[in-house]
Amino acid sequence: MTCEKTVYIKKLSNNILSFLTFGCDFNSEEETSCSSSSSEVPTWVNINQGIWGCIEFWEGNFMPGTSKTTGTIKPVVCAIHVYSSTSTDDTTSVAGSSSFYEYIDSELVAITYSDDDGLFQVELPAGQYSVFIGENEEFWANIVQIKGSKMIINPVSVKENTLTKHDVSITYRAYF
């Protein structure tokens, strides 16, 4: 599995955020249908425009430089909430967390669910969106992209007559 560079945020104190950017090249003996890094649209996708991808839950040790990682990566069944493009200013974080949100002040566009293999698809009009994972009456997302003066949470763009691959790695129980 190959991970793209991502940005994780951590709130250090009132209004101070720490940013960690990393990339990885992880080889797993347990390949799943999620493990493909190809952006070629698979045959199970039956929509014409929107997003598709895989949700995986990472748990355990993924520290670089160790001789053997003890972490696991598994596909997960979960709710996927698609909102109009959402900045950190449009949310209320759960106390003590920079990845869990209790309130999102953006338009909810769609809710879908991943299957037993972690796979999902959702038809969407062309536009800019933010993807959150439903987790115990809260919303989880840990990737932000800076656009101008805004920090957009887990952004994805859908173009007319196009399918966009958007995988989500749930990492709040993993350490790197």
C-alpha atoms as a PDB file:
ATOM      1  CA  MET A   1       0.000   0.000   0.000  1.00  0.00           C
ATOM      2  CA  THR A   2       1.260   3.485  -0.788  1.00  0.00           C
ATOM      3  CA  CYS A   3       0.045   6.506   1.147  1.00  0.00           C
ATOM      4  CA  GLU A   4       0.032   9.968  -0.325  1.00  0.00           C
ATOM      5  CA  LYS A   5       1.408  12.845   1.691  1.00  0.00           C
ATOM      6  CA  THR A   6      -1.230  14.010   4.122  1.00  0.00           C
ATOM      7  CA  VAL A   7      -1.548  16.731   6.713  1.00  0.00           C
ATOM      8  CA  TYR A   8      -2.733  15.891  10.217  1.00  0.00           C
ATOM      9  CA  ILE A   9      -3.665  18.579  12.679  1.00  0.00           C
ATOM     10  CA  LYS A  10      -3.353  18.562  16.432  1.00  0.00           C
ATOM     11  CA  LYS A  11      -4.619  21.287  18.708  1.00  0.00           C
ATOM     12  CA  LEU A  12      -1.890  22.152  21.184  1.00  0.00           C
ATOM     13  CA  SER A  13      -3.708  24.861  23.116  1.00  0.00           C
ATOM     14  CA  ASN A  14      -6.276  27.564  22.510  1.00  0.00           C
ATOM     15  CA  ASN A  15      -6.138  28.450  18.794  1.00  0.00           C
ATOM     16  CA  ILE A  16      -2.667  26.927  18.276  1.00  0.00           C
ATOM     17  CA  LEU A  17      -2.469  24.054  15.815  1.00  0.00           C
ATOM     18  CA  SER A  18       0.422  21.732  15.055  1.00  0.00           C
ATOM     19  CA  PHE A  19       0.725  20.310  11.537  1.00  0.00           C
ATOM     20  CA  LEU A  20       2.380  16.992  10.713  1.00  0.00           C
ATOM     21  CA  THR A  21       2.981  16.036   7.105  1.00  0.00           C
ATOM     22  CA  PHE A  22       4.120  12.557   6.232  1.00  0.00           C
ATOM     23  CA  GLY A  23       4.112   9.964   3.514  1.00  0.00           C
ATOM     24  CA  CYS A  24       4.610   6.233   3.749  1.00  0.00           C
ATOM     25  CA  ASP A  25       5.266   3.140   1.757  1.00  0.00           C
ATOM     26  CA  PHE A  26       3.675   0.301   3.690  1.00  0.00           C
ATOM     27  CA  ASN A  27       3.810  -3.302   2.539  1.00  0.00           C
ATOM     28  CA  SER A  28       1.199  -5.610   4.032  1.00  0.00           C
ATOM     29  CA  GLU A  29       0.919  -9.348   3.645  1.00  0.00           C
ATOM     30  CA  GLU A  30      -2.830  -9.035   4.145  1.00  0.00           C
ATOM     31  CA  GLU A  31      -3.997  -7.456   0.901  1.00  0.00           C
ATOM     32  CA  THR A  32      -7.622  -6.389   0.782  1.00  0.00           C
ATOM     33  CA  SER A  33      -9.716  -4.980  -2.011  1.00  0.00           C
ATOM     34  CA  CYS A  34      -8.922  -1.630  -0.397  1.00  0.00           C
ATOM     35  CA  SER A  35      -5.207  -2.078  -0.885  1.00  0.00           C
ATOM     36  CA  SER A  36      -5.125  -1.171  -4.556  1.00  0.00           C
ATOM     37  CA  SER A  37      -3.470   2.188  -5.151  1.00  0.00           C
ATOM     38  CA  SER A  38      -4.836   2.254  -8.697  1.00  0.00           C
ATOM     39  CA  SER A  39      -7.264   5.020  -9.570  1.00  0.00           C
ATOM     40  CA  GLU A  40      -8.811   2.857 -12.301  1.00  0.00           C
ATOM     41  CA  VAL A  41     -12.552   2.602 -11.645  1.00  0.00           C
ATOM     42  CA  PRO A  42     -13.439  -0.969 -10.587  1.00  0.00           C
ATOM     43  CA  THR A  43     -16.411  -2.858 -12.005  1.00  0.00           C
ATOM     44  CA  TRP A  44     -18.431  -2.664  -8.752  1.00  0.00           C
ATOM     45  CA  VAL A  45     -18.777   1.125  -9.127  1.00  0.00           C
ATOM     46  CA  ASN A  46     -22.127   1.718 -10.848  1.00  0.00           C
ATOM     47  CA  ILE A  47     -22.464   5.506 -10.702  1.00  0.00           C
ATOM     48  CA  ASN A  48     -21.520   7.970 -13.433  1.00  0.00           C
ATOM     49  CA  GLN A  49     -20.458  10.982 -11.363  1.00  0.00           C
ATOM     50  CA  GLY A  50     -19.371  11.339  -7.747  1.00  0.00           C
ATOM     51  CA  ILE A  51     -16.914   9.704  -5.394  1.00  0.00           C
ATOM     52  CA  TRP A  52     -15.921   6.129  -4.670  1.00  0.00           C
ATOM     53  CA  GLY A  53     -13.267   4.573  -2.508  1.00  0.00           C
ATOM     54  CA  CYS A  54     -12.398   2.540   0.528  1.00  0.00           C
ATOM     55  CA  ILE A  55     -12.529   3.137   4.266  1.00  0.00           C
ATOM     56  CA  GLU A  56      -9.801   1.463   6.331  1.00  0.00           C
ATOM     57  CA  PHE A  57      -9.259   1.428  10.091  1.00  0.00           C
ATOM     58  CA  TRP A  58      -5.620   1.653  11.212  1.00  0.00           C
ATOM     59  CA  GLU A  59      -4.760   0.474  14.718  1.00  0.00           C
ATOM     60  CA  GLY A  60      -1.434  -0.044  16.476  1.00  0.00           C
ATOM     61  CA  ASN A  61       2.222   0.716  15.789  1.00  0.00           C
ATOM     62  CA  PHE A  62       3.278   2.050  12.388  1.00  0.00           C
ATOM     63  CA  MET A  63       6.437   3.767  13.645  1.00  0.00           C
ATOM     64  CA  PRO A  64       9.039   4.142  10.891  1.00  0.00           C
ATOM     65  CA  GLY A  65      12.433   2.619  11.563  1.00  0.00           C
ATOM     66  CA  THR A  66      11.157  -0.271  13.640  1.00  0.00           C
ATOM     67  CA  SER A  67      12.052  -3.720  12.394  1.00  0.00           C
ATOM     68  CA  LYS A  68       8.440  -4.871  12.457  1.00  0.00           C
ATOM     69  CA  THR A  69       5.245  -2.910  12.793  1.00  0.00           C
ATOM     70  CA  THR A  70       2.512  -4.384  14.954  1.00  0.00           C
ATOM     71  CA  GLY A  71      -0.315  -2.339  13.497  1.00  0.00           C
ATOM     72  CA  THR A  72      -3.273  -3.649  11.565  1.00  0.00           C
ATOM     73  CA  ILE A  73      -5.215  -2.138   8.686  1.00  0.00           C
ATOM     74  CA  LYS A  74      -8.715  -3.463   8.117  1.00  0.00           C
ATOM     75  CA  PRO A  75     -11.645  -2.409   5.941  1.00  0.00           C
ATOM     76  CA  VAL A  76     -14.518  -1.081   8.020  1.00  0.00           C
ATOM     77  CA  VAL A  77     -18.288  -0.672   7.701  1.00  0.00           C
ATOM     78  CA  CYS A  78     -19.250   2.887   8.603  1.00  0.00           C
ATOM     79  CA  ALA A  79     -21.389   5.893   7.727  1.00  0.00           C
ATOM     80  CA  ILE A  80     -19.842   8.378   5.313  1.00  0.00           C
ATOM     81  CA  HIS A  81     -21.237  11.922   5.569  1.00  0.00           C
ATOM     82  CA  VAL A  82     -20.624  14.178   2.584  1.00  0.00           C
ATOM     83  CA  TYR A  83     -20.987  17.909   3.272  1.00  0.00           C
ATOM     84  CA  SER A  84     -20.506  20.925   1.065  1.00  0.00           C
ATOM     85  CA  SER A  85     -16.904  22.126   1.360  1.00  0.00           C
ATOM     86  CA  THR A  86     -16.332  22.674   5.087  1.00  0.00           C
ATOM     87  CA  SER A  87     -13.609  24.693   6.790  1.00  0.00           C
ATOM     88  CA  THR A  88     -12.493  24.321  10.384  1.00  0.00           C
ATOM     89  CA  ASP A  89     -14.337  27.615  11.029  1.00  0.00           C
ATOM     90  CA  ASP A  90     -17.607  25.810  10.154  1.00  0.00           C
ATOM     91  CA  THR A  91     -17.243  23.152  12.836  1.00  0.00           C
ATOM     92  CA  THR A  92     -17.232  22.639  16.578  1.00  0.00           C
ATOM     93  CA  SER A  93     -14.545  20.175  17.683  1.00  0.00           C
ATOM     94  CA  VAL A  94     -15.092  17.685  20.464  1.00  0.00           C
ATOM     95  CA  ALA A  95     -13.278  18.997  23.554  1.00  0.00           C
ATOM     96  CA  GLY A  96      -9.645  17.877  23.513  1.00  0.00           C
ATOM     97  CA  SER A  97      -9.729  16.622  19.915  1.00  0.00           C
ATOM     98  CA  SER A  98      -8.717  18.058  16.572  1.00  0.00           C
ATOM     99  CA  SER A  99     -10.141  15.163  14.530  1.00  0.00           C
ATOM    100  CA  PHE A 100     -13.580  14.654  16.062  1.00  0.00           C
ATOM    101  CA  TYR A 101     -16.377  17.124  15.515  1.00  0.00           C
ATOM    102  CA  GLU A 102     -19.693  17.437  17.311  1.00  0.00           C
ATOM    103  CA  TYR A 103     -21.228  20.023  15.000  1.00  0.00           C
ATOM    104  CA  ILE A 104     -20.820  20.873  11.315  1.00  0.00           C
ATOM    105  CA  ASP A 105     -22.347  24.113  10.049  1.00  0.00           C
ATOM    106  CA  SER A 106     -22.356  23.191   6.347  1.00  0.00           C
ATOM    107  CA  GLU A 107     -24.950  21.648   4.048  1.00  0.00           C
ATOM    108  CA  LEU A 108     -25.245  17.875   4.418  1.00  0.00           C
ATOM    109  CA  VAL A 109     -25.314  16.622   0.816  1.00  0.00           C
ATOM    110  CA  ALA A 110     -25.370  12.825   1.228  1.00  0.00           C
ATOM    111  CA  ILE A 111     -24.929   9.938   3.642  1.00  0.00           C
ATOM    112  CA  THR A 112     -23.840   6.520   2.455  1.00  0.00           C
ATOM    113  CA  TYR A 113     -22.315   3.425   4.037  1.00  0.00           C
ATOM    114  CA  SER A 114     -19.255   1.362   3.257  1.00  0.00           C
ATOM    115  CA  ASP A 115     -19.720  -2.381   2.803  1.00  0.00           C
ATOM    116  CA  ASP A 116     -17.934  -5.253   4.579  1.00  0.00           C
ATOM    117  CA  ASP A 117     -14.891  -4.668   2.353  1.00  0.00           C
ATOM    118  CA  GLY A 118     -14.801  -0.949   3.257  1.00  0.00           C
ATOM    119  CA  LEU A 119     -15.952   0.025  -0.242  1.00  0.00           C
ATOM    120  CA  PHE A 120     -18.358   2.879  -0.919  1.00  0.00           C
ATOM    121  CA  GLN A 121     -19.729   5.038  -3.712  1.00  0.00           C
ATOM    122  CA  VAL A 122     -21.988   8.076  -3.742  1.00  0.00           C
ATOM    123  CA  GLU A 123     -23.416   9.963  -6.696  1.00  0.00           C
ATOM    124  CA  LEU A 124     -22.873  13.724  -6.386  1.00  0.00           C
ATOM    125  CA  PRO A 125     -23.282  16.800  -8.562  1.00  0.00           C
ATOM    126  CA  ALA A 126     -20.124  18.597  -9.674  1.00  0.00           C
ATOM    127  CA  GLY A 127     -18.721  20.613  -6.778  1.00  0.00           C
ATOM    128  CA  GLN A 128     -16.436  20.814  -3.765  1.00  0.00           C
ATOM    129  CA  TYR A 129     -17.126  18.585  -0.754  1.00  0.00           C
ATOM    130  CA  SER A 130     -15.814  17.504   2.636  1.00  0.00           C
ATOM    131  CA  VAL A 131     -16.029  13.881   3.772  1.00  0.00           C
ATOM    132  CA  PHE A 132     -16.573  12.899   7.408  1.00  0.00           C
ATOM    133  CA  ILE A 133     -16.883   9.461   9.011  1.00  0.00           C
ATOM    134  CA  GLY A 134     -19.743   8.971  11.478  1.00  0.00           C
ATOM    135  CA  GLU A 135     -18.379   7.702  14.781  1.00  0.00           C
ATOM    136  CA  ASN A 136     -20.633   7.366  17.873  1.00  0.00           C
ATOM    137  CA  GLU A 137     -22.793  10.446  17.167  1.00  0.00           C
ATOM    138  CA  GLU A 138     -19.694  12.450  16.246  1.00  0.00           C
ATOM    139  CA  PHE A 139     -17.926  13.136  12.967  1.00  0.00           C
ATOM    140  CA  TRP A 140     -14.304  12.192  12.299  1.00  0.00           C
ATOM    141  CA  ALA A 141     -11.874  13.606   9.730  1.00  0.00           C
ATOM    142  CA  ASN A 142      -8.173  14.287  10.200  1.00  0.00           C
ATOM    143  CA  ILE A 143      -7.001  15.710   6.894  1.00  0.00           C
ATOM    144  CA  VAL A 144      -7.066  19.415   6.113  1.00  0.00           C
ATOM    145  CA  GLN A 145      -6.016  21.349   3.056  1.00  0.00           C
ATOM    146  CA  ILE A 146      -5.204  25.020   3.221  1.00  0.00           C
ATOM    147  CA  LYS A 147      -7.022  27.040   0.551  1.00  0.00           C
ATOM    148  CA  GLY A 148      -6.376  30.750   0.855  1.00  0.00           C
ATOM    149  CA  SER A 149      -7.036  31.661   4.482  1.00  0.00           C
ATOM    150  CA  LYS A 150      -9.289  28.633   5.114  1.00  0.00           C
ATOM    151  CA  MET A 151      -8.436  25.137   6.310  1.00  0.00           C
ATOM    152  CA  ILE A 152     -10.781  22.809   4.381  1.00  0.00           C
ATOM    153  CA  ILE A 153     -11.514  19.494   6.099  1.00  0.00           C
ATOM    154  CA  ASN A 154     -11.003  16.271   4.102  1.00  0.00           C
ATOM    155  CA  PRO A 155     -11.694  17.924   0.728  1.00  0.00           C
ATOM    156  CA  VAL A 156     -12.779  16.180  -2.454  1.00  0.00           C
ATOM    157  CA  SER A 157     -13.638  17.691  -5.832  1.00  0.00           C
ATOM    158  CA  VAL A 158     -16.193  16.241  -8.243  1.00  0.00           C
ATOM    159  CA  LYS A 159     -16.111  17.350 -11.868  1.00  0.00           C
ATOM    160  CA  GLU A 160     -18.895  16.997 -14.418  1.00  0.00           C
ATOM    161  CA  ASN A 161     -19.237  13.405 -15.751  1.00  0.00           C
ATOM    162  CA  THR A 162     -16.274  12.255 -13.645  1.00  0.00           C
ATOM    163  CA  LEU A 163     -15.687   9.735 -10.871  1.00  0.00           C
ATOM    164  CA  THR A 164     -13.225  10.706  -8.138  1.00  0.00           C
ATOM    165  CA  LYS A 165     -11.441   8.132  -5.980  1.00  0.00           C
ATOM    166  CA  HIS A 166     -11.394   9.184  -2.322  1.00  0.00           C
ATOM    167  CA  ASP A 167     -10.025   6.695   0.203  1.00  0.00           C
ATOM    168  CA  VAL A 168     -10.176   7.377   3.939  1.00  0.00           C
ATOM    169  CA  SER A 169      -7.722   5.964   6.466  1.00  0.00           C
ATOM    170  CA  ILE A 170      -9.152   6.171   9.986  1.00  0.00           C
ATOM    171  CA  THR A 171      -6.050   6.544  12.135  1.00  0.00           C
ATOM    172  CA  TYR A 172      -7.087   7.731  15.586  1.00  0.00           C
ATOM    173  CA  ARG A 173      -5.990   4.413  17.142  1.00  0.00           C
ATOM    174  CA  ALA A 174      -2.684   4.256  15.256  1.00  0.00           C
ATOM    175  CA  TYR A 175       0.631   5.847  16.033  1.00  0.00           C
ATOM    176  CA  PHE A 176       3.327   6.795  13.565  1.00  0.00           C
END
